[in-house]
Amino acid sequence: MDGPDLSWRERRILRQIELRLGQDADLELRLRTMRLGRWDGVRRALRRLPPCALLLVAVCAVGLATAGVPAAAVALRTVCGAAAAVAVFVLLRGARRRARRGR
C-alpha cells in the first residue's frame, strides 16, 4: 500500500463493511457463480490492444483476402497501407504530446 497506514477508525469502518458484505448471502451466491460471457474475454483483450495493432491486423487480413486478385489487391493494399501509416503517425504524435505533458 502506498502512503500512510489506515487509522484505527478507518480500520474499524473497513471491518464493519467487510462483515456486512460477508453476511449478504445473495451477494455471496452471485460472486461464487459469476461467469464471464462468451465474448467478454475477447472484448477485454481487444480493449487492451493499441488501435495501431488492431489496424495492422485488419490490413493483414485484407491483404491475405485479396492476394489472388492482382489489380484490386495492389489498390487495396496501397490504400490500407497509407491509412495505417497515417493512423500510426497520429497515434505516435498523440503519445508524444501526452508524454510531454507528464501524463
N, C-alpha and C. Protein backbone atom coordinates (compact mmCIF):
# COMPACT_ATOMS: atom_id res chain seq x y z
N MET A 1 0.85 -1.17 0.00
CA MET A 1 0.00 0.00 0.00
C MET A 1 0.89 1.23 0.00
N ASP A 2 0.57 2.19 -0.83
CA ASP A 2 1.31 3.44 -0.88
C ASP A 2 0.73 4.41 0.13
N GLY A 3 1.57 5.14 0.78
CA GLY A 3 1.10 6.15 1.72
C GLY A 3 1.01 5.61 3.13
N PRO A 4 0.45 6.41 4.02
CA PRO A 4 0.39 6.03 5.43
C PRO A 4 -0.63 4.92 5.68
N ASP A 5 -0.44 4.22 6.81
CA ASP A 5 -1.37 3.16 7.21
C ASP A 5 -2.73 3.76 7.54
N LEU A 6 -3.74 2.89 7.57
CA LEU A 6 -5.08 3.33 7.94
C LEU A 6 -5.12 3.63 9.44
N SER A 7 -5.90 4.61 9.79
CA SER A 7 -6.07 4.93 11.21
C SER A 7 -6.93 3.86 11.87
N TRP A 8 -7.00 3.89 13.22
CA TRP A 8 -7.81 2.92 13.95
C TRP A 8 -9.26 3.03 13.52
N ARG A 9 -9.75 4.24 13.37
CA ARG A 9 -11.15 4.48 12.97
C ARG A 9 -11.43 3.93 11.57
N GLU A 10 -10.52 4.17 10.65
CA GLU A 10 -10.69 3.67 9.28
C GLU A 10 -10.66 2.14 9.23
N ARG A 11 -9.79 1.53 10.04
CA ARG A 11 -9.75 0.06 10.09
C ARG A 11 -11.05 -0.50 10.66
N ARG A 12 -11.61 0.16 11.67
CA ARG A 12 -12.86 -0.29 12.27
C ARG A 12 -14.00 -0.20 11.25
N ILE A 13 -14.05 0.91 10.51
CA ILE A 13 -15.09 1.09 9.48
C ILE A 13 -14.95 0.02 8.39
N LEU A 14 -13.73 -0.21 7.97
CA LEU A 14 -13.48 -1.22 6.94
C LEU A 14 -13.90 -2.61 7.43
N ARG A 15 -13.62 -2.94 8.68
CA ARG A 15 -14.01 -4.22 9.25
C ARG A 15 -15.54 -4.37 9.27
N GLN A 16 -16.23 -3.28 9.61
CA GLN A 16 -17.69 -3.32 9.62
C GLN A 16 -18.26 -3.55 8.22
N ILE A 17 -17.67 -2.89 7.24
CA ILE A 17 -18.12 -3.08 5.85
C ILE A 17 -17.90 -4.52 5.42
N GLU A 18 -16.73 -5.07 5.74
CA GLU A 18 -16.43 -6.45 5.36
C GLU A 18 -17.39 -7.43 6.03
N LEU A 19 -17.72 -7.19 7.30
CA LEU A 19 -18.66 -8.07 8.00
C LEU A 19 -20.04 -8.03 7.35
N ARG A 20 -20.51 -6.83 7.01
CA ARG A 20 -21.83 -6.71 6.37
C ARG A 20 -21.85 -7.40 5.01
N LEU A 21 -20.78 -7.23 4.25
CA LEU A 21 -20.72 -7.89 2.95
C LEU A 21 -20.65 -9.40 3.10
N GLY A 22 -19.94 -9.88 4.11
CA GLY A 22 -19.83 -11.31 4.35
C GLY A 22 -21.15 -11.94 4.75
N GLN A 23 -22.06 -11.17 5.32
CA GLN A 23 -23.36 -11.70 5.76
C GLN A 23 -24.39 -11.69 4.64
N ASP A 24 -24.10 -11.06 3.54
CA ASP A 24 -25.04 -10.97 2.42
C ASP A 24 -24.98 -12.27 1.60
N ALA A 25 -25.94 -13.15 1.83
CA ALA A 25 -25.96 -14.46 1.17
C ALA A 25 -26.17 -14.32 -0.33
N ASP A 26 -26.99 -13.37 -0.75
CA ASP A 26 -27.26 -13.18 -2.18
C ASP A 26 -25.99 -12.75 -2.91
N LEU A 27 -25.26 -11.82 -2.31
CA LEU A 27 -24.00 -11.38 -2.91
C LEU A 27 -23.00 -12.53 -2.97
N GLU A 28 -22.94 -13.29 -1.89
CA GLU A 28 -22.03 -14.44 -1.84
C GLU A 28 -22.33 -15.43 -2.97
N LEU A 29 -23.62 -15.71 -3.18
CA LEU A 29 -24.02 -16.64 -4.24
C LEU A 29 -23.66 -16.09 -5.62
N ARG A 30 -23.95 -14.81 -5.83
CA ARG A 30 -23.63 -14.22 -7.13
C ARG A 30 -22.14 -14.22 -7.41
N LEU A 31 -21.32 -13.94 -6.39
CA LEU A 31 -19.88 -13.94 -6.59
C LEU A 31 -19.34 -15.35 -6.83
N ARG A 32 -19.91 -16.33 -6.16
CA ARG A 32 -19.46 -17.71 -6.34
C ARG A 32 -19.80 -18.26 -7.72
N THR A 33 -20.95 -17.87 -8.25
CA THR A 33 -21.41 -18.44 -9.51
C THR A 33 -21.16 -17.51 -10.70
N MET A 34 -20.45 -16.44 -10.47
CA MET A 34 -20.22 -15.46 -11.54
C MET A 34 -19.33 -16.06 -12.63
N ARG A 35 -19.78 -15.93 -13.86
CA ARG A 35 -19.01 -16.38 -15.01
C ARG A 35 -18.99 -15.29 -16.06
N LEU A 36 -17.95 -15.28 -16.82
CA LEU A 36 -17.87 -14.33 -17.92
C LEU A 36 -18.73 -14.81 -19.07
N GLY A 37 -19.25 -13.88 -19.83
CA GLY A 37 -20.00 -14.23 -21.02
C GLY A 37 -19.07 -14.80 -22.08
N ARG A 38 -19.67 -15.29 -23.14
CA ARG A 38 -18.89 -15.93 -24.18
C ARG A 38 -17.89 -14.97 -24.83
N TRP A 39 -18.27 -13.73 -25.01
CA TRP A 39 -17.42 -12.78 -25.73
C TRP A 39 -16.72 -11.78 -24.81
N ASP A 40 -16.92 -11.86 -23.50
CA ASP A 40 -16.32 -10.90 -22.59
C ASP A 40 -14.79 -10.94 -22.61
N GLY A 41 -14.22 -12.12 -22.66
CA GLY A 41 -12.77 -12.24 -22.72
C GLY A 41 -12.19 -11.63 -23.98
N VAL A 42 -12.87 -11.82 -25.10
CA VAL A 42 -12.41 -11.25 -26.38
C VAL A 42 -12.50 -9.73 -26.32
N ARG A 43 -13.61 -9.21 -25.78
CA ARG A 43 -13.77 -7.76 -25.68
C ARG A 43 -12.68 -7.14 -24.81
N ARG A 44 -12.40 -7.78 -23.69
CA ARG A 44 -11.35 -7.25 -22.80
C ARG A 44 -10.00 -7.25 -23.48
N ALA A 45 -9.69 -8.32 -24.20
CA ALA A 45 -8.41 -8.38 -24.90
C ALA A 45 -8.31 -7.31 -25.97
N LEU A 46 -9.41 -7.07 -26.70
CA LEU A 46 -9.39 -6.05 -27.74
C LEU A 46 -9.23 -4.65 -27.15
N ARG A 47 -9.81 -4.42 -25.96
CA ARG A 47 -9.66 -3.10 -25.34
C ARG A 47 -8.23 -2.85 -24.89
N ARG A 48 -7.50 -3.91 -24.56
CA ARG A 48 -6.12 -3.74 -24.11
C ARG A 48 -5.15 -3.49 -25.27
N LEU A 49 -5.52 -3.94 -26.46
CA LEU A 49 -4.63 -3.77 -27.60
C LEU A 49 -4.65 -2.32 -28.08
N PRO A 50 -3.49 -1.81 -28.48
CA PRO A 50 -3.48 -0.46 -29.04
C PRO A 50 -4.18 -0.44 -30.40
N PRO A 51 -4.80 0.68 -30.74
CA PRO A 51 -5.51 0.76 -32.02
C PRO A 51 -4.64 0.46 -33.24
N CYS A 52 -3.36 0.84 -33.18
CA CYS A 52 -2.50 0.58 -34.34
C CYS A 52 -2.30 -0.93 -34.55
N ALA A 53 -2.30 -1.72 -33.46
CA ALA A 53 -2.17 -3.17 -33.62
C ALA A 53 -3.42 -3.75 -34.27
N LEU A 54 -4.59 -3.24 -33.87
CA LEU A 54 -5.83 -3.70 -34.49
C LEU A 54 -5.86 -3.33 -35.97
N LEU A 55 -5.40 -2.14 -36.27
CA LEU A 55 -5.36 -1.70 -37.67
C LEU A 55 -4.40 -2.57 -38.48
N LEU A 56 -3.27 -2.91 -37.90
CA LEU A 56 -2.31 -3.76 -38.59
C LEU A 56 -2.90 -5.14 -38.88
N VAL A 57 -3.63 -5.70 -37.92
CA VAL A 57 -4.28 -6.99 -38.14
C VAL A 57 -5.32 -6.88 -39.25
N ALA A 58 -6.07 -5.79 -39.26
CA ALA A 58 -7.08 -5.60 -40.31
C ALA A 58 -6.42 -5.48 -41.68
N VAL A 59 -5.33 -4.75 -41.76
CA VAL A 59 -4.62 -4.59 -43.05
C VAL A 59 -4.08 -5.94 -43.52
N CYS A 60 -3.52 -6.71 -42.61
CA CYS A 60 -3.01 -8.03 -42.99
C CYS A 60 -4.13 -8.95 -43.45
N ALA A 61 -5.27 -8.89 -42.78
CA ALA A 61 -6.40 -9.73 -43.17
C ALA A 61 -6.90 -9.37 -44.56
N VAL A 62 -6.99 -8.07 -44.83
CA VAL A 62 -7.44 -7.62 -46.15
C VAL A 62 -6.41 -8.02 -47.21
N GLY A 63 -5.15 -7.87 -46.87
CA GLY A 63 -4.09 -8.26 -47.82
C GLY A 63 -4.14 -9.74 -48.17
N LEU A 64 -4.37 -10.57 -47.16
CA LEU A 64 -4.47 -12.01 -47.42
C LEU A 64 -5.73 -12.36 -48.20
N ALA A 65 -6.82 -11.65 -47.94
CA ALA A 65 -8.08 -11.95 -48.63
C ALA A 65 -8.03 -11.56 -50.10
N THR A 66 -7.23 -10.56 -50.44
CA THR A 66 -7.18 -10.09 -51.82
C THR A 66 -5.89 -10.52 -52.53
N ALA A 67 -5.23 -11.54 -52.02
CA ALA A 67 -3.95 -11.95 -52.59
C ALA A 67 -4.08 -12.51 -54.00
N GLY A 68 -5.23 -13.08 -54.35
CA GLY A 68 -5.38 -13.68 -55.66
C GLY A 68 -5.84 -12.72 -56.74
N VAL A 69 -6.21 -11.50 -56.39
CA VAL A 69 -6.72 -10.53 -57.36
C VAL A 69 -5.68 -9.43 -57.51
N PRO A 70 -4.87 -9.47 -58.55
CA PRO A 70 -3.72 -8.56 -58.66
C PRO A 70 -4.07 -7.06 -58.66
N ALA A 71 -4.94 -6.61 -59.53
CA ALA A 71 -5.20 -5.17 -59.63
C ALA A 71 -5.90 -4.65 -58.38
N ALA A 72 -6.90 -5.37 -57.94
CA ALA A 72 -7.63 -4.94 -56.74
C ALA A 72 -6.73 -5.03 -55.52
N ALA A 73 -5.89 -6.04 -55.48
CA ALA A 73 -5.01 -6.21 -54.33
C ALA A 73 -4.02 -5.06 -54.21
N VAL A 74 -3.45 -4.66 -55.32
CA VAL A 74 -2.48 -3.55 -55.29
C VAL A 74 -3.16 -2.27 -54.83
N ALA A 75 -4.32 -1.97 -55.37
CA ALA A 75 -5.03 -0.75 -54.98
C ALA A 75 -5.44 -0.79 -53.52
N LEU A 76 -6.00 -1.91 -53.11
CA LEU A 76 -6.46 -2.03 -51.73
C LEU A 76 -5.30 -1.99 -50.75
N ARG A 77 -4.23 -2.67 -51.06
CA ARG A 77 -3.06 -2.65 -50.17
C ARG A 77 -2.46 -1.26 -50.08
N THR A 78 -2.46 -0.54 -51.18
CA THR A 78 -1.92 0.83 -51.16
C THR A 78 -2.77 1.72 -50.26
N VAL A 79 -4.08 1.65 -50.42
CA VAL A 79 -4.97 2.48 -49.60
C VAL A 79 -4.88 2.09 -48.13
N CYS A 80 -4.91 0.80 -47.85
CA CYS A 80 -4.83 0.34 -46.46
C CYS A 80 -3.47 0.67 -45.84
N GLY A 81 -2.43 0.53 -46.61
CA GLY A 81 -1.10 0.86 -46.10
C GLY A 81 -0.97 2.33 -45.78
N ALA A 82 -1.52 3.18 -46.65
CA ALA A 82 -1.49 4.63 -46.38
C ALA A 82 -2.32 4.97 -45.16
N ALA A 83 -3.48 4.35 -45.02
CA ALA A 83 -4.33 4.60 -43.85
C ALA A 83 -3.63 4.13 -42.57
N ALA A 84 -2.96 3.00 -42.64
CA ALA A 84 -2.24 2.50 -41.47
C ALA A 84 -1.10 3.44 -41.10
N ALA A 85 -0.38 3.93 -42.10
CA ALA A 85 0.72 4.85 -41.82
C ALA A 85 0.21 6.14 -41.17
N VAL A 86 -0.88 6.67 -41.68
CA VAL A 86 -1.45 7.89 -41.11
C VAL A 86 -1.92 7.63 -39.68
N ALA A 87 -2.57 6.49 -39.45
CA ALA A 87 -3.06 6.18 -38.11
C ALA A 87 -1.92 6.03 -37.11
N VAL A 88 -0.86 5.36 -37.52
CA VAL A 88 0.30 5.20 -36.63
C VAL A 88 0.93 6.55 -36.35
N PHE A 89 1.04 7.40 -37.36
CA PHE A 89 1.61 8.74 -37.17
C PHE A 89 0.77 9.54 -36.16
N VAL A 90 -0.54 9.51 -36.32
CA VAL A 90 -1.43 10.25 -35.41
C VAL A 90 -1.32 9.72 -33.99
N LEU A 91 -1.30 8.39 -33.84
CA LEU A 91 -1.19 7.80 -32.51
C LEU A 91 0.15 8.13 -31.85
N LEU A 92 1.22 8.07 -32.60
CA LEU A 92 2.53 8.39 -32.04
C LEU A 92 2.63 9.87 -31.66
N ARG A 93 2.07 10.73 -32.47
CA ARG A 93 2.08 12.16 -32.17
C ARG A 93 1.29 12.44 -30.89
N GLY A 94 0.13 11.78 -30.73
CA GLY A 94 -0.65 11.93 -29.51
C GLY A 94 0.09 11.41 -28.30
N ALA A 95 0.80 10.30 -28.45
CA ALA A 95 1.56 9.73 -27.33
C ALA A 95 2.69 10.67 -26.93
N ARG A 96 3.34 11.28 -27.90
CA ARG A 96 4.41 12.23 -27.57
C ARG A 96 3.88 13.45 -26.85
N ARG A 97 2.73 13.93 -27.28
CA ARG A 97 2.13 15.09 -26.60
C ARG A 97 1.78 14.76 -25.16
N ARG A 98 1.20 13.58 -24.95
CA ARG A 98 0.86 13.18 -23.58
C ARG A 98 2.11 13.03 -22.73
N ALA A 99 3.18 12.50 -23.32
CA ALA A 99 4.43 12.32 -22.58
C ALA A 99 5.02 13.67 -22.20
N ARG A 100 4.93 14.64 -23.08
CA ARG A 100 5.46 15.98 -22.78
C ARG A 100 4.67 16.64 -21.65
N ARG A 101 3.36 16.39 -21.61
CA ARG A 101 2.53 16.98 -20.56
C ARG A 101 2.74 16.30 -19.21
N GLY A 102 3.43 15.17 -19.22
CA GLY A 102 3.73 14.49 -17.98
C GLY A 102 2.68 13.50 -17.53
N ARG A 103 1.90 13.00 -18.44
CA ARG A 103 0.86 12.01 -18.09
C ARG A 103 1.44 10.69 -17.77
